[in-house]
Amino acid sequence: MTNLYLETMESLARNNRCPNDVLWVDSRDGRYALGWSTFAELASNVEYDSGFGAQEVATDLVVVGRGWWLDRREYDGSECWAFNTAPTPNPDALPFVKMHGGMWKTVAEYMETHKCV
């Protein structure tokens, strides 16, 4: 069994963050939100099976900090936190004109096959 609070603390520590860095915890759409202390109290009582099977923790749960966030990820029911940072613009980035028309491709893959006429 996995404790949601301990899992969250481990994810924060792995990414050089601590509870003081958390601004809020909410649902991805922002409809529901908590402060860290309320989340910590609730999460400390959540024990779940993080292994394969059905996802048990809310799929849209996010922990938000300044320029970063944790969100829930799942593969075949095995779930965990994923650490994300806000992207920053690359001054050398190239423009792109194609972003659809296949399956599981990146922008770069679309642009490699794009022919200008």
N, C-alpha and C. Protein backbone atom coordinates (compact mmCIF):
# COMPACT_ATOMS: atom_id res chain seq x y z
N MET A 1 0.84 -1.19 0.00
CA MET A 1 0.00 0.00 0.00
C MET A 1 0.88 1.25 0.00
N THR A 2 0.36 2.28 -0.62
CA THR A 2 1.08 3.55 -0.71
C THR A 2 0.29 4.62 0.03
N ASN A 3 1.00 5.42 0.82
CA ASN A 3 0.37 6.54 1.50
C ASN A 3 0.56 7.77 0.63
N LEU A 4 -0.54 8.45 0.28
CA LEU A 4 -0.50 9.58 -0.64
C LEU A 4 0.37 10.72 -0.11
N TYR A 5 0.29 11.01 1.19
CA TYR A 5 1.11 12.07 1.76
C TYR A 5 2.60 11.75 1.64
N LEU A 6 2.98 10.54 2.03
CA LEU A 6 4.40 10.16 1.96
C LEU A 6 4.88 10.13 0.52
N GLU A 7 4.05 9.65 -0.39
CA GLU A 7 4.40 9.64 -1.81
C GLU A 7 4.62 11.07 -2.31
N THR A 8 3.76 11.98 -1.88
CA THR A 8 3.87 13.38 -2.29
C THR A 8 5.15 14.00 -1.73
N MET A 9 5.43 13.74 -0.47
CA MET A 9 6.64 14.27 0.15
C MET A 9 7.89 13.73 -0.55
N GLU A 10 7.89 12.45 -0.91
CA GLU A 10 9.03 11.85 -1.61
C GLU A 10 9.20 12.49 -2.99
N SER A 11 8.10 12.73 -3.67
CA SER A 11 8.18 13.36 -4.99
C SER A 11 8.71 14.79 -4.89
N LEU A 12 8.25 15.53 -3.89
CA LEU A 12 8.77 16.88 -3.67
C LEU A 12 10.27 16.84 -3.40
N ALA A 13 10.69 15.97 -2.49
CA ALA A 13 12.11 15.88 -2.12
C ALA A 13 12.97 15.47 -3.31
N ARG A 14 12.49 14.52 -4.12
CA ARG A 14 13.23 14.07 -5.29
C ARG A 14 13.48 15.22 -6.27
N ASN A 15 12.61 16.22 -6.22
CA ASN A 15 12.71 17.35 -7.14
C ASN A 15 13.16 18.64 -6.44
N ASN A 16 13.83 18.45 -5.30
CA ASN A 16 14.39 19.57 -4.52
C ASN A 16 13.34 20.61 -4.15
N ARG A 17 12.18 20.14 -3.76
CA ARG A 17 11.09 21.00 -3.31
C ARG A 17 10.65 20.53 -1.92
N CYS A 18 9.95 21.41 -1.20
CA CYS A 18 9.42 21.07 0.12
C CYS A 18 8.02 21.67 0.24
N PRO A 19 7.27 21.33 1.28
CA PRO A 19 5.93 21.88 1.44
C PRO A 19 5.87 23.40 1.40
N ASN A 20 6.91 24.08 1.87
CA ASN A 20 6.91 25.55 1.83
C ASN A 20 6.91 26.09 0.39
N ASP A 21 7.29 25.26 -0.57
CA ASP A 21 7.31 25.66 -1.97
C ASP A 21 5.95 25.50 -2.65
N VAL A 22 5.03 24.82 -1.98
CA VAL A 22 3.70 24.56 -2.56
C VAL A 22 2.82 25.80 -2.38
N LEU A 23 2.24 26.26 -3.48
CA LEU A 23 1.32 27.41 -3.42
C LEU A 23 -0.10 26.95 -3.13
N TRP A 24 -0.54 25.87 -3.78
CA TRP A 24 -1.86 25.31 -3.54
C TRP A 24 -1.94 23.92 -4.16
N VAL A 25 -3.00 23.20 -3.83
CA VAL A 25 -3.31 21.88 -4.40
C VAL A 25 -4.72 21.99 -4.96
N ASP A 26 -4.91 21.54 -6.19
CA ASP A 26 -6.26 21.65 -6.75
C ASP A 26 -6.54 20.60 -7.80
N SER A 27 -7.76 20.68 -8.33
CA SER A 27 -8.12 19.89 -9.49
C SER A 27 -7.61 20.65 -10.71
N ARG A 28 -7.19 19.93 -11.73
CA ARG A 28 -6.55 20.57 -12.89
C ARG A 28 -7.37 21.70 -13.47
N ASP A 29 -8.70 21.62 -13.41
CA ASP A 29 -9.54 22.68 -13.98
C ASP A 29 -9.72 23.86 -13.02
N GLY A 30 -9.17 23.77 -11.81
CA GLY A 30 -9.24 24.85 -10.84
C GLY A 30 -10.56 24.97 -10.12
N ARG A 31 -11.44 24.03 -10.34
CA ARG A 31 -12.78 24.10 -9.72
C ARG A 31 -12.74 23.84 -8.22
N TYR A 32 -11.78 23.03 -7.78
CA TYR A 32 -11.63 22.71 -6.35
C TYR A 32 -10.19 22.99 -5.96
N ALA A 33 -9.98 23.54 -4.77
CA ALA A 33 -8.62 23.85 -4.33
C ALA A 33 -8.49 23.76 -2.82
N LEU A 34 -7.27 23.47 -2.38
CA LEU A 34 -6.92 23.38 -0.95
C LEU A 34 -5.58 24.03 -0.72
N GLY A 35 -5.35 24.44 0.50
CA GLY A 35 -4.01 24.84 0.90
C GLY A 35 -3.21 23.58 1.23
N TRP A 36 -1.90 23.73 1.34
CA TRP A 36 -1.04 22.57 1.60
C TRP A 36 -1.41 21.86 2.90
N SER A 37 -1.65 22.59 3.98
CA SER A 37 -1.88 21.94 5.28
C SER A 37 -3.15 21.08 5.25
N THR A 38 -4.19 21.55 4.59
CA THR A 38 -5.42 20.75 4.49
C THR A 38 -5.17 19.52 3.64
N PHE A 39 -4.48 19.70 2.51
CA PHE A 39 -4.15 18.56 1.66
C PHE A 39 -3.33 17.54 2.44
N ALA A 40 -2.30 18.01 3.16
CA ALA A 40 -1.43 17.11 3.92
C ALA A 40 -2.21 16.30 4.93
N GLU A 41 -3.14 16.95 5.61
CA GLU A 41 -3.98 16.26 6.59
C GLU A 41 -4.83 15.18 5.92
N LEU A 42 -5.47 15.53 4.81
CA LEU A 42 -6.31 14.57 4.10
C LEU A 42 -5.47 13.45 3.50
N ALA A 43 -4.37 13.80 2.83
CA ALA A 43 -3.54 12.82 2.13
C ALA A 43 -2.87 11.85 3.09
N SER A 44 -2.60 12.28 4.32
CA SER A 44 -1.95 11.37 5.28
C SER A 44 -2.86 10.20 5.64
N ASN A 45 -4.15 10.33 5.39
CA ASN A 45 -5.11 9.25 5.67
C ASN A 45 -5.47 8.44 4.43
N VAL A 46 -4.81 8.71 3.31
CA VAL A 46 -5.12 7.99 2.06
C VAL A 46 -4.08 6.91 1.82
N GLU A 47 -4.51 5.67 1.92
CA GLU A 47 -3.69 4.51 1.60
C GLU A 47 -4.30 3.88 0.35
N TYR A 48 -3.47 3.65 -0.66
CA TYR A 48 -4.01 3.07 -1.89
C TYR A 48 -2.99 2.14 -2.53
N ASP A 49 -3.46 1.31 -3.44
CA ASP A 49 -2.61 0.39 -4.17
C ASP A 49 -2.14 1.09 -5.44
N SER A 50 -0.86 1.46 -5.47
CA SER A 50 -0.33 2.21 -6.61
C SER A 50 0.11 1.30 -7.75
N GLY A 51 -0.07 -0.01 -7.56
CA GLY A 51 0.33 -0.96 -8.60
C GLY A 51 -0.69 -1.02 -9.72
N PHE A 52 -0.49 -1.98 -10.60
CA PHE A 52 -1.37 -2.12 -11.76
C PHE A 52 -2.79 -2.43 -11.34
N GLY A 53 -3.74 -1.91 -12.08
CA GLY A 53 -5.16 -2.04 -11.80
C GLY A 53 -5.83 -0.72 -12.07
N ALA A 54 -6.91 -0.45 -11.43
CA ALA A 54 -7.63 0.82 -11.64
C ALA A 54 -6.96 1.95 -10.85
N GLN A 55 -6.92 3.15 -11.44
CA GLN A 55 -6.36 4.31 -10.76
C GLN A 55 -7.30 4.71 -9.63
N GLU A 56 -6.76 4.92 -8.43
CA GLU A 56 -7.57 5.19 -7.26
C GLU A 56 -7.55 6.66 -6.82
N VAL A 57 -6.43 7.34 -7.02
CA VAL A 57 -6.31 8.75 -6.63
C VAL A 57 -6.87 9.60 -7.77
N ALA A 58 -7.54 10.70 -7.43
CA ALA A 58 -8.14 11.57 -8.45
C ALA A 58 -7.16 11.85 -9.58
N THR A 59 -7.58 11.61 -10.80
CA THR A 59 -6.71 11.74 -11.97
C THR A 59 -6.34 13.19 -12.27
N ASP A 60 -7.13 14.15 -11.78
CA ASP A 60 -6.88 15.55 -12.09
C ASP A 60 -6.25 16.33 -10.94
N LEU A 61 -5.72 15.62 -9.94
CA LEU A 61 -5.11 16.24 -8.78
C LEU A 61 -3.76 16.85 -9.16
N VAL A 62 -3.53 18.11 -8.78
CA VAL A 62 -2.24 18.77 -9.04
C VAL A 62 -1.76 19.49 -7.78
N VAL A 63 -0.46 19.50 -7.59
CA VAL A 63 0.20 20.25 -6.52
C VAL A 63 1.00 21.32 -7.24
N VAL A 64 0.73 22.58 -6.93
CA VAL A 64 1.28 23.69 -7.71
C VAL A 64 2.27 24.53 -6.90
N GLY A 65 3.40 24.81 -7.53
CA GLY A 65 4.39 25.71 -6.98
C GLY A 65 4.69 26.80 -8.00
N ARG A 66 5.62 27.66 -7.69
CA ARG A 66 5.98 28.75 -8.61
C ARG A 66 6.84 28.20 -9.75
N GLY A 67 6.26 28.10 -10.95
CA GLY A 67 6.98 27.60 -12.11
C GLY A 67 7.07 26.09 -12.23
N TRP A 68 6.36 25.36 -11.37
CA TRP A 68 6.38 23.90 -11.42
C TRP A 68 5.07 23.36 -10.89
N TRP A 69 4.80 22.08 -11.15
CA TRP A 69 3.64 21.40 -10.59
C TRP A 69 3.85 19.89 -10.66
N LEU A 70 3.14 19.20 -9.77
CA LEU A 70 3.05 17.75 -9.81
C LEU A 70 1.66 17.41 -10.33
N ASP A 71 1.58 16.43 -11.22
CA ASP A 71 0.27 15.92 -11.61
C ASP A 71 0.31 14.41 -11.61
N ARG A 72 -0.87 13.83 -11.64
CA ARG A 72 -0.98 12.39 -11.55
C ARG A 72 -0.77 11.76 -12.92
N ARG A 73 -0.01 10.70 -12.96
CA ARG A 73 0.20 9.93 -14.18
C ARG A 73 -0.20 8.49 -13.92
N GLU A 74 -0.53 7.82 -14.98
CA GLU A 74 -1.01 6.46 -14.85
C GLU A 74 -0.62 5.67 -16.09
N TYR A 75 -0.23 4.42 -15.88
CA TYR A 75 -0.04 3.49 -16.98
C TYR A 75 -0.66 2.18 -16.56
N ASP A 76 -1.74 1.82 -17.21
CA ASP A 76 -2.44 0.57 -16.93
C ASP A 76 -2.80 0.46 -15.45
N GLY A 77 -3.14 1.59 -14.84
CA GLY A 77 -3.56 1.59 -13.45
C GLY A 77 -2.44 1.84 -12.46
N SER A 78 -1.17 1.67 -12.88
CA SER A 78 -0.04 1.97 -12.00
C SER A 78 0.11 3.48 -11.98
N GLU A 79 0.00 4.08 -10.81
CA GLU A 79 -0.06 5.54 -10.74
C GLU A 79 1.03 6.15 -9.87
N CYS A 80 1.32 7.44 -10.16
CA CYS A 80 2.37 8.16 -9.42
C CYS A 80 2.26 9.64 -9.72
N TRP A 81 3.09 10.44 -9.04
CA TRP A 81 3.23 11.86 -9.33
C TRP A 81 4.26 12.03 -10.44
N ALA A 82 4.05 13.02 -11.29
CA ALA A 82 5.05 13.43 -12.28
C ALA A 82 5.36 14.89 -12.03
N PHE A 83 6.65 15.24 -12.05
CA PHE A 83 7.09 16.60 -11.83
C PHE A 83 7.19 17.32 -13.17
N ASN A 84 6.64 18.53 -13.23
CA ASN A 84 6.65 19.33 -14.46
C ASN A 84 7.16 20.73 -14.14
N THR A 85 7.86 21.32 -15.08
CA THR A 85 8.25 22.72 -14.95
C THR A 85 7.66 23.49 -16.12
N ALA A 86 7.38 24.75 -15.87
CA ALA A 86 6.83 25.60 -16.92
C ALA A 86 7.88 25.75 -18.02
N PRO A 87 7.47 25.59 -19.27
CA PRO A 87 8.44 25.75 -20.35
C PRO A 87 8.90 27.19 -20.49
N THR A 88 10.10 27.35 -20.97
CA THR A 88 10.62 28.69 -21.24
C THR A 88 10.89 28.77 -22.74
N PRO A 89 10.70 29.94 -23.34
CA PRO A 89 10.90 30.05 -24.78
C PRO A 89 12.37 29.91 -25.17
N ASN A 90 12.59 29.23 -26.27
CA ASN A 90 13.93 29.07 -26.84
C ASN A 90 14.09 30.15 -27.90
N PRO A 91 15.04 31.06 -27.77
CA PRO A 91 15.19 32.14 -28.75
C PRO A 91 15.57 31.63 -30.14
N ASP A 92 16.06 30.40 -30.23
CA ASP A 92 16.45 29.82 -31.52
C ASP A 92 15.39 28.88 -32.09
N ALA A 93 14.21 28.85 -31.48
CA ALA A 93 13.15 27.94 -31.94
C ALA A 93 12.72 28.28 -33.36
N LEU A 94 12.45 27.24 -34.12
CA LEU A 94 12.00 27.39 -35.50
C LEU A 94 10.48 27.39 -35.55
N PRO A 95 9.87 28.11 -36.49
CA PRO A 95 8.42 28.06 -36.64
C PRO A 95 8.00 26.71 -37.22
N PHE A 96 6.76 26.33 -36.96
CA PHE A 96 6.25 25.11 -37.57
C PHE A 96 4.89 25.37 -38.18
N VAL A 97 4.55 24.55 -39.18
CA VAL A 97 3.29 24.75 -39.91
C VAL A 97 2.44 23.49 -39.94
N LYS A 98 2.93 22.40 -39.38
CA LYS A 98 2.17 21.15 -39.37
C LYS A 98 2.18 20.58 -37.97
N MET A 99 1.01 20.16 -37.50
CA MET A 99 0.90 19.60 -36.14
C MET A 99 -0.14 18.50 -36.03
N HIS A 100 -0.61 17.97 -37.17
CA HIS A 100 -1.57 16.87 -37.13
C HIS A 100 -1.48 16.07 -38.43
N GLY A 101 -2.17 14.92 -38.46
CA GLY A 101 -2.23 14.13 -39.67
C GLY A 101 -1.64 12.74 -39.53
N GLY A 102 -1.37 12.31 -38.34
CA GLY A 102 -0.83 10.97 -38.11
C GLY A 102 -1.17 10.55 -36.69
N MET A 103 -0.41 9.63 -36.19
CA MET A 103 -0.67 9.14 -34.83
C MET A 103 0.63 9.13 -34.03
N TRP A 104 0.57 9.64 -32.80
CA TRP A 104 1.68 9.61 -31.86
C TRP A 104 2.95 10.24 -32.42
N LYS A 105 2.83 11.35 -33.13
CA LYS A 105 4.00 12.02 -33.68
C LYS A 105 4.27 13.32 -32.93
N THR A 106 5.50 13.75 -33.00
CA THR A 106 5.91 15.03 -32.43
C THR A 106 5.86 16.10 -33.51
N VAL A 107 5.95 17.37 -33.10
CA VAL A 107 6.01 18.46 -34.08
C VAL A 107 7.20 18.23 -35.02
N ALA A 108 8.35 17.86 -34.47
CA ALA A 108 9.54 17.63 -35.29
C ALA A 108 9.28 16.54 -36.33
N GLU A 109 8.61 15.46 -35.94
CA GLU A 109 8.32 14.39 -36.90
C GLU A 109 7.39 14.87 -38.01
N TYR A 110 6.41 15.69 -37.65
CA TYR A 110 5.54 16.25 -38.69
C TYR A 110 6.32 17.15 -39.64
N MET A 111 7.19 17.97 -39.09
CA MET A 111 7.94 18.91 -39.93
C MET A 111 8.94 18.18 -40.83
N GLU A 112 9.49 17.05 -40.37
CA GLU A 112 10.43 16.29 -41.20
C GLU A 112 9.76 15.76 -42.47
N THR A 113 8.44 15.48 -42.38
CA THR A 113 7.73 14.92 -43.53
C THR A 113 6.96 15.98 -44.29
N HIS A 114 6.99 17.23 -43.83
CA HIS A 114 6.25 18.30 -44.48
C HIS A 114 7.01 18.80 -45.71
N LYS A 115 6.30 18.85 -46.82
CA LYS A 115 6.89 19.35 -48.06
C LYS A 115 6.27 20.68 -48.40
N CYS A 116 7.08 21.69 -48.54
CA CYS A 116 6.58 23.00 -48.97
C CYS A 116 6.39 23.00 -50.47
N VAL A 117 5.28 23.59 -50.92
CA VAL A 117 5.03 23.69 -52.36
C VAL A 117 5.02 25.13 -52.79
